[in-house]
Amino acid sequence: MEKQKKEPLATEIIQEQEQELSRILVELETLKADAERAKFPLDELMELTGKAPKGQKEFIRFANNQHRIYSYADLAFDYIGRIESTLEDLIIKISRGVCKETAETEEKAGGCND
């Protein structure tokens, strides 16, 4: 005799999907915030390096700004790294969720085994 699996009600399935969608939206908001934060150092970099120095005074000013330039570049790379990491995590979570749903609804989860 086979045991009958208890199937979740449609409302439970919808609630789980809505919760997952909410988690994804929160992560996307985080990405948006990090992208906004990355704009500042990039804008500063553009201002500091946007035009070629002409004359000795501008060359000296440019040389004196090297530390600021490197700091802004480092800050922008940090934000971009955070965005990239969050995107990778989000892709993995979504892929696993899709594969889990496929495995539950089909007898074989072809290609979704991690």
C-alpha atoms as a PDB file:
ATOM      1  CA  MET A   1       0.000   0.000   0.000  1.00  0.00           C
ATOM      2  CA  GLU A   2       1.316   3.391  -0.964  1.00  0.00           C
ATOM      3  CA  LYS A   3       1.248   6.237   1.474  1.00  0.00           C
ATOM      4  CA  GLN A   4      -0.573   9.199   0.094  1.00  0.00           C
ATOM      5  CA  LYS A   5       1.421  12.390   0.132  1.00  0.00           C
ATOM      6  CA  LYS A   6      -0.229  15.288   1.793  1.00  0.00           C
ATOM      7  CA  GLU A   7      -0.480  17.944  -0.917  1.00  0.00           C
ATOM      8  CA  PRO A   8      -0.305  21.531   0.248  1.00  0.00           C
ATOM      9  CA  LEU A   9      -3.321  23.629  -0.367  1.00  0.00           C
ATOM     10  CA  ALA A  10      -3.219  26.122  -3.209  1.00  0.00           C
ATOM     11  CA  THR A  11      -3.226  28.993  -0.722  1.00  0.00           C
ATOM     12  CA  GLU A  12      -0.145  27.588   1.020  1.00  0.00           C
ATOM     13  CA  ILE A  13       1.671  27.308  -2.311  1.00  0.00           C
ATOM     14  CA  ILE A  14       0.720  30.861  -3.220  1.00  0.00           C
ATOM     15  CA  GLN A  15       1.842  32.149   0.191  1.00  0.00           C
ATOM     16  CA  GLU A  16       5.225  30.418  -0.160  1.00  0.00           C
ATOM     17  CA  GLN A  17       5.675  31.920  -3.609  1.00  0.00           C
ATOM     18  CA  GLU A  18       4.715  35.369  -2.337  1.00  0.00           C
ATOM     19  CA  GLN A  19       7.219  35.063   0.517  1.00  0.00           C
ATOM     20  CA  GLU A  20       9.948  34.044  -1.907  1.00  0.00           C
ATOM     21  CA  LEU A  21       9.037  36.947  -4.186  1.00  0.00           C
ATOM     22  CA  SER A  22       9.216  39.307  -1.201  1.00  0.00           C
ATOM     23  CA  ARG A  23      12.703  38.029  -0.317  1.00  0.00           C
ATOM     24  CA  ILE A  24      13.826  38.517  -3.903  1.00  0.00           C
ATOM     25  CA  LEU A  25      12.422  42.058  -3.965  1.00  0.00           C
ATOM     26  CA  VAL A  26      14.309  42.917  -0.756  1.00  0.00           C
ATOM     27  CA  GLU A  27      17.544  41.688  -2.318  1.00  0.00           C
ATOM     28  CA  LEU A  28      16.845  43.684  -5.482  1.00  0.00           C
ATOM     29  CA  GLU A  29      16.298  46.795  -3.356  1.00  0.00           C
ATOM     30  CA  THR A  30      19.684  46.132  -1.761  1.00  0.00           C
ATOM     31  CA  LEU A  31      21.221  45.958  -5.224  1.00  0.00           C
ATOM     32  CA  LYS A  32      19.582  49.228  -6.167  1.00  0.00           C
ATOM     33  CA  ALA A  33      20.886  50.903  -3.010  1.00  0.00           C
ATOM     34  CA  ASP A  34      24.425  49.643  -3.621  1.00  0.00           C
ATOM     35  CA  ALA A  35      24.272  50.859  -7.218  1.00  0.00           C
ATOM     36  CA  GLU A  36      23.200  54.297  -5.989  1.00  0.00           C
ATOM     37  CA  ARG A  37      26.067  54.311  -3.487  1.00  0.00           C
ATOM     38  CA  ALA A  38      28.542  53.325  -6.212  1.00  0.00           C
ATOM     39  CA  LYS A  39      27.575  56.398  -8.233  1.00  0.00           C
ATOM     40  CA  PHE A  40      29.182  58.799  -5.769  1.00  0.00           C
ATOM     41  CA  PRO A  41      32.777  57.540  -6.009  1.00  0.00           C
ATOM     42  CA  LEU A  42      32.385  57.119  -9.770  1.00  0.00           C
ATOM     43  CA  ASP A  43      31.167  60.709 -10.114  1.00  0.00           C
ATOM     44  CA  GLU A  44      34.116  61.881  -8.022  1.00  0.00           C
ATOM     45  CA  LEU A  45      36.496  59.879 -10.195  1.00  0.00           C
ATOM     46  CA  MET A  46      35.036  61.439 -13.306  1.00  0.00           C
ATOM     47  CA  GLU A  47      35.523  64.887 -11.835  1.00  0.00           C
ATOM     48  CA  LEU A  48      39.115  64.181 -10.779  1.00  0.00           C
ATOM     49  CA  THR A  49      40.176  62.452 -13.978  1.00  0.00           C
ATOM     50  CA  GLY A  50      37.718  63.796 -16.552  1.00  0.00           C
ATOM     51  CA  LYS A  51      40.095  66.194 -18.228  1.00  0.00           C
ATOM     52  CA  ALA A  52      43.770  65.929 -18.969  1.00  0.00           C
ATOM     53  CA  PRO A  53      45.928  68.221 -16.869  1.00  0.00           C
ATOM     54  CA  LYS A  54      47.381  71.173 -18.761  1.00  0.00           C
ATOM     55  CA  GLY A  55      50.283  73.000 -17.301  1.00  0.00           C
ATOM     56  CA  GLN A  56      52.451  72.358 -14.301  1.00  0.00           C
ATOM     57  CA  LYS A  57      49.908  73.436 -11.661  1.00  0.00           C
ATOM     58  CA  GLU A  58      47.276  71.030 -12.986  1.00  0.00           C
ATOM     59  CA  PHE A  59      49.828  68.201 -13.165  1.00  0.00           C
ATOM     60  CA  ILE A  60      50.808  68.833  -9.553  1.00  0.00           C
ATOM     61  CA  ARG A  61      47.146  68.959  -8.479  1.00  0.00           C
ATOM     62  CA  PHE A  62      46.480  65.718 -10.385  1.00  0.00           C
ATOM     63  CA  ALA A  63      49.495  64.052  -8.729  1.00  0.00           C
ATOM     64  CA  ASN A  64      48.334  65.247  -5.312  1.00  0.00           C
ATOM     65  CA  ASN A  65      44.889  63.740  -5.966  1.00  0.00           C
ATOM     66  CA  GLN A  66      46.231  60.247  -6.671  1.00  0.00           C
ATOM     67  CA  HIS A  67      45.408  59.016  -3.178  1.00  0.00           C
ATOM     68  CA  ARG A  68      41.816  60.284  -3.503  1.00  0.00           C
ATOM     69  CA  ILE A  69      41.549  58.737  -6.978  1.00  0.00           C
ATOM     70  CA  TYR A  70      42.673  55.335  -5.704  1.00  0.00           C
ATOM     71  CA  SER A  71      40.367  55.599  -2.684  1.00  0.00           C
ATOM     72  CA  TYR A  72      37.343  56.378  -4.850  1.00  0.00           C
ATOM     73  CA  ALA A  73      38.227  53.578  -7.280  1.00  0.00           C
ATOM     74  CA  ASP A  74      38.582  51.145  -4.374  1.00  0.00           C
ATOM     75  CA  LEU A  75      35.229  52.227  -2.935  1.00  0.00           C
ATOM     76  CA  ALA A  76      33.503  51.815  -6.318  1.00  0.00           C
ATOM     77  CA  PHE A  77      35.025  48.336  -6.730  1.00  0.00           C
ATOM     78  CA  ASP A  78      33.762  47.376  -3.264  1.00  0.00           C
ATOM     79  CA  TYR A  79      30.202  48.352  -4.160  1.00  0.00           C
ATOM     80  CA  ILE A  80      30.429  46.588  -7.512  1.00  0.00           C
ATOM     81  CA  GLY A  81      31.747  43.478  -5.734  1.00  0.00           C
ATOM     82  CA  ARG A  82      28.809  43.581  -3.320  1.00  0.00           C
ATOM     83  CA  ILE A  83      26.382  43.923  -6.216  1.00  0.00           C
ATOM     84  CA  GLU A  84      28.017  41.028  -8.055  1.00  0.00           C
ATOM     85  CA  SER A  85      27.950  38.821  -4.951  1.00  0.00           C
ATOM     86  CA  THR A  86      24.295  39.589  -4.262  1.00  0.00           C
ATOM     87  CA  LEU A  87      23.393  38.860  -7.888  1.00  0.00           C
ATOM     88  CA  GLU A  88      25.226  35.523  -7.792  1.00  0.00           C
ATOM     89  CA  ASP A  89      23.465  34.546  -4.553  1.00  0.00           C
ATOM     90  CA  LEU A  90      20.108  35.577  -5.989  1.00  0.00           C
ATOM     91  CA  ILE A  91      20.685  33.576  -9.183  1.00  0.00           C
ATOM     92  CA  ILE A  92      21.621  30.497  -7.149  1.00  0.00           C
ATOM     93  CA  LYS A  93      18.565  30.844  -4.895  1.00  0.00           C
ATOM     94  CA  ILE A  94      16.222  31.276  -7.841  1.00  0.00           C
ATOM     95  CA  SER A  95      17.816  28.370  -9.735  1.00  0.00           C
ATOM     96  CA  ARG A  96      17.513  26.078  -6.735  1.00  0.00           C
ATOM     97  CA  GLY A  97      13.901  27.131  -6.228  1.00  0.00           C
ATOM     98  CA  VAL A  98      13.057  26.419  -9.865  1.00  0.00           C
ATOM     99  CA  CYS A  99      14.810  23.059  -9.723  1.00  0.00           C
ATOM    100  CA  LYS A 100      13.060  22.181  -6.464  1.00  0.00           C
ATOM    101  CA  GLU A 101       9.674  22.992  -7.975  1.00  0.00           C
ATOM    102  CA  THR A 102      10.518  21.010 -11.114  1.00  0.00           C
ATOM    103  CA  ALA A 103      11.620  18.009  -9.038  1.00  0.00           C
ATOM    104  CA  GLU A 104       8.436  18.126  -7.023  1.00  0.00           C
ATOM    105  CA  THR A 105       6.158  18.298 -10.061  1.00  0.00           C
ATOM    106  CA  GLU A 106       7.990  15.887 -12.358  1.00  0.00           C
ATOM    107  CA  GLU A 107       9.231  12.380 -11.790  1.00  0.00           C
ATOM    108  CA  LYS A 108      12.687  13.256 -13.049  1.00  0.00           C
ATOM    109  CA  ALA A 109      14.339  16.607 -12.506  1.00  0.00           C
ATOM    110  CA  GLY A 110      16.470  16.473 -15.657  1.00  0.00           C
ATOM    111  CA  GLY A 111      19.354  18.920 -15.463  1.00  0.00           C
ATOM    112  CA  CYS A 112      18.481  20.412 -12.087  1.00  0.00           C
ATOM    113  CA  ASN A 113      20.628  18.198  -9.889  1.00  0.00           C
ATOM    114  CA  ASP A 114      23.265  20.287  -8.089  1.00  0.00           C
END
